[in-house]
Amino acid sequence: MGEHSKFKYFLFSLLALVILAIGVAWLLKQGPESFAVMANVRSVENGQILADAVYILSTTEKPEENKTLKSVKIFISPKTKIIRSGFVIPASAYTHGIAGRGEAFYPEKLPRQNSEATPEDMKHDSEDTGGISITAKSEKNIYGKTEFTANEIIYNVPIYE
């Protein structure tokens, strides 16, 4: 093997090792992804929401990583879309004893009345109902972050007939 061939072999081996190292580093860096949280709001003040949240994972490879509530600060920008999703609770749910009999009650199956809202609306609804739940979405991966800016917030409030 000539001097030129040894040099080519060395360069080829070096290039292969660099590509392999980059591939391994990329795989190790890949962690869970989340572009949204579900949260219970603690307060709405000065363009931000303090809440206890769980990340909505893009994959369910490691669901055990998503069982603990995390304290998060969600910033509301002028571009953040806020949707008030009122679910109508029929009077019959209470007058006919569903609540008293301990039967299952599924708010997600109830009719919805959606409307655009402001941070002030969200604050008042939270105070009036004793707390609200939200889904806050982001365009960036927010997994593990304790602060992020939401591009959309949907909050749920009961509407009694």
Protein backbone atom coordinates (compact mmCIF):
# COMPACT_ATOMS: atom_id res chain seq x y z
CA MET A 1 0.00 0.00 0.00
CA GLY A 2 1.49 3.29 -1.06
CA GLU A 3 1.79 6.47 0.96
CA HIS A 4 -1.05 8.06 -1.02
CA SER A 5 -3.38 5.08 -0.40
CA LYS A 6 -2.68 5.14 3.37
CA PHE A 7 -3.56 8.83 3.48
CA LYS A 8 -6.85 8.22 1.62
CA TYR A 9 -7.69 5.35 3.97
CA PHE A 10 -6.93 7.56 6.99
CA LEU A 11 -9.14 10.40 5.67
CA PHE A 12 -11.97 8.02 4.85
CA SER A 13 -11.78 6.44 8.34
CA LEU A 14 -11.68 9.85 9.98
CA LEU A 15 -14.72 11.04 7.99
CA ALA A 16 -16.65 7.87 8.89
CA LEU A 17 -15.88 8.37 12.60
CA VAL A 18 -16.97 12.03 12.49
CA ILE A 19 -20.26 11.10 10.79
CA LEU A 20 -20.83 8.31 13.31
CA ALA A 21 -20.14 10.66 16.26
CA ILE A 22 -22.54 13.27 14.88
CA GLY A 23 -25.23 10.60 14.43
CA VAL A 24 -24.81 9.28 17.97
CA ALA A 25 -24.88 12.81 19.43
CA TRP A 26 -28.05 13.62 17.48
CA LEU A 27 -29.77 10.44 18.71
CA LEU A 28 -28.80 11.14 22.32
CA LYS A 29 -30.08 14.70 22.07
CA GLN A 30 -33.49 13.60 20.81
CA GLY A 31 -35.80 13.63 23.80
CA PRO A 32 -39.51 13.91 24.32
CA GLU A 33 -41.33 16.61 22.38
CA SER A 34 -44.25 18.65 23.57
CA PHE A 35 -45.94 21.59 21.90
CA ALA A 36 -48.72 21.98 24.49
CA VAL A 37 -49.54 21.69 28.16
CA MET A 38 -52.75 20.97 30.05
CA ALA A 39 -52.85 23.05 33.19
CA ASN A 40 -54.83 24.22 36.19
CA VAL A 41 -54.56 27.99 36.43
CA ARG A 42 -53.37 29.48 39.71
CA SER A 43 -53.38 33.12 38.57
CA VAL A 44 -53.67 35.41 35.55
CA GLU A 45 -51.76 38.67 35.99
CA ASN A 46 -49.78 41.14 33.87
CA GLY A 47 -49.89 39.16 30.65
CA GLN A 48 -48.88 35.87 32.17
CA ILE A 49 -50.48 32.76 33.61
CA LEU A 50 -49.09 30.81 36.56
CA ALA A 51 -50.29 27.23 36.44
CA ASP A 52 -49.66 23.62 37.42
CA ALA A 53 -49.24 21.69 34.20
CA VAL A 54 -48.42 18.43 32.50
CA TYR A 55 -46.83 18.36 29.06
CA ILE A 56 -48.83 16.82 26.23
CA LEU A 57 -46.22 14.58 24.64
CA SER A 58 -45.94 14.20 20.87
CA THR A 59 -45.14 10.52 21.37
CA THR A 60 -46.07 8.12 24.12
CA GLU A 61 -42.72 6.32 24.23
CA LYS A 62 -42.08 7.29 27.87
CA PRO A 63 -45.43 8.20 29.45
CA GLU A 64 -43.93 7.79 32.94
CA GLU A 65 -42.01 11.03 32.33
CA ASN A 66 -45.27 12.98 32.23
CA LYS A 67 -47.01 12.14 35.50
CA THR A 68 -45.88 15.00 37.73
CA LEU A 69 -47.43 18.46 37.72
CA LYS A 70 -44.89 21.16 36.93
CA SER A 71 -45.20 24.80 37.89
CA VAL A 72 -45.11 26.85 34.66
CA LYS A 73 -45.30 30.48 33.66
CA ILE A 74 -47.12 31.01 30.37
CA PHE A 75 -46.67 34.37 28.67
CA ILE A 76 -49.54 35.91 26.72
CA SER A 77 -48.34 37.96 23.75
CA PRO A 78 -50.48 40.30 21.63
CA LYS A 79 -50.53 37.50 19.03
CA THR A 80 -51.79 34.83 21.46
CA LYS A 81 -55.25 33.58 20.50
CA ILE A 82 -57.43 32.95 23.56
CA ILE A 83 -60.56 30.81 23.21
CA ARG A 84 -63.19 30.51 25.93
CA SER A 85 -64.79 27.08 25.63
CA GLY A 86 -67.96 26.93 27.69
CA PHE A 87 -69.45 23.49 28.19
CA VAL A 88 -73.16 23.49 28.83
CA ILE A 89 -74.15 21.44 31.87
CA PRO A 90 -77.80 20.51 31.54
CA ALA A 91 -79.97 21.10 34.57
CA SER A 92 -81.12 17.48 34.30
CA ALA A 93 -77.65 16.34 35.32
CA TYR A 94 -78.44 17.60 38.79
CA THR A 95 -82.24 17.67 38.98
CA HIS A 96 -82.51 14.03 37.91
CA GLY A 97 -79.86 12.89 40.35
CA ILE A 98 -76.95 11.95 38.09
CA ALA A 99 -74.53 13.76 40.40
CA GLY A 100 -76.17 12.35 43.53
CA ARG A 101 -76.14 8.76 42.26
CA GLY A 102 -72.41 8.93 41.52
CA GLU A 103 -72.87 8.24 37.82
CA ALA A 104 -70.00 9.12 35.53
CA PHE A 105 -70.13 12.63 34.12
CA TYR A 106 -68.13 13.47 30.96
CA PRO A 107 -67.75 17.23 30.32
CA GLU A 108 -65.90 16.54 27.05
CA LYS A 109 -69.12 15.06 25.63
CA LEU A 110 -71.21 18.13 26.44
CA PRO A 111 -72.14 20.79 23.85
CA ARG A 112 -69.62 23.64 23.59
CA GLN A 113 -69.97 27.37 23.14
CA ASN A 114 -66.64 28.75 21.93
CA SER A 115 -65.79 32.44 21.74
CA GLU A 116 -62.69 34.63 21.61
CA ALA A 117 -61.59 36.00 24.97
CA THR A 118 -59.09 38.33 26.58
CA PRO A 119 -56.71 37.74 29.49
CA GLU A 120 -59.13 39.78 31.63
CA ASP A 121 -62.01 37.46 30.67
CA MET A 122 -59.88 34.48 31.63
CA LYS A 123 -58.98 36.07 34.97
CA HIS A 124 -62.64 36.83 35.79
CA ASP A 125 -63.81 33.35 34.77
CA SER A 126 -61.09 31.80 36.92
CA GLU A 127 -62.10 33.88 39.93
CA ASP A 128 -65.85 33.31 39.36
CA THR A 129 -65.61 29.53 38.98
CA GLY A 130 -62.90 28.83 41.54
CA GLY A 131 -60.32 27.91 38.89
CA ILE A 132 -60.12 26.97 35.25
CA SER A 133 -58.23 24.42 33.21
CA ILE A 134 -56.40 25.38 30.03
CA THR A 135 -54.61 23.89 27.09
CA ALA A 136 -51.76 26.19 26.10
CA LYS A 137 -50.05 25.58 22.76
CA SER A 138 -46.68 26.72 21.43
CA GLU A 139 -45.00 26.57 18.04
CA LYS A 140 -41.74 25.46 19.68
CA ASN A 141 -40.88 22.35 21.67
CA ILE A 142 -41.61 23.32 25.28
CA TYR A 143 -40.92 19.98 26.94
CA GLY A 144 -39.21 20.58 30.28
CA LYS A 145 -39.48 24.36 30.04
CA THR A 146 -40.96 26.24 32.97
CA GLU A 147 -41.62 29.42 30.94
CA PHE A 148 -42.88 29.84 27.38
CA THR A 149 -45.03 32.08 25.21
CA ALA A 150 -48.30 30.52 24.06
CA ASN A 151 -49.62 31.06 20.55
CA GLU A 152 -53.04 29.65 21.53
CA ILE A 153 -54.83 29.13 24.84
CA ILE A 154 -58.13 27.30 25.18
CA TYR A 155 -59.79 27.45 28.57
CA ASN A 156 -62.83 25.60 29.83
CA VAL A 157 -65.66 27.02 31.92
CA PRO A 158 -68.96 25.43 32.94
CA ILE A 159 -72.20 27.03 31.80
CA TYR A 160 -75.20 25.93 33.85
CA GLU A 161 -78.62 25.77 32.19
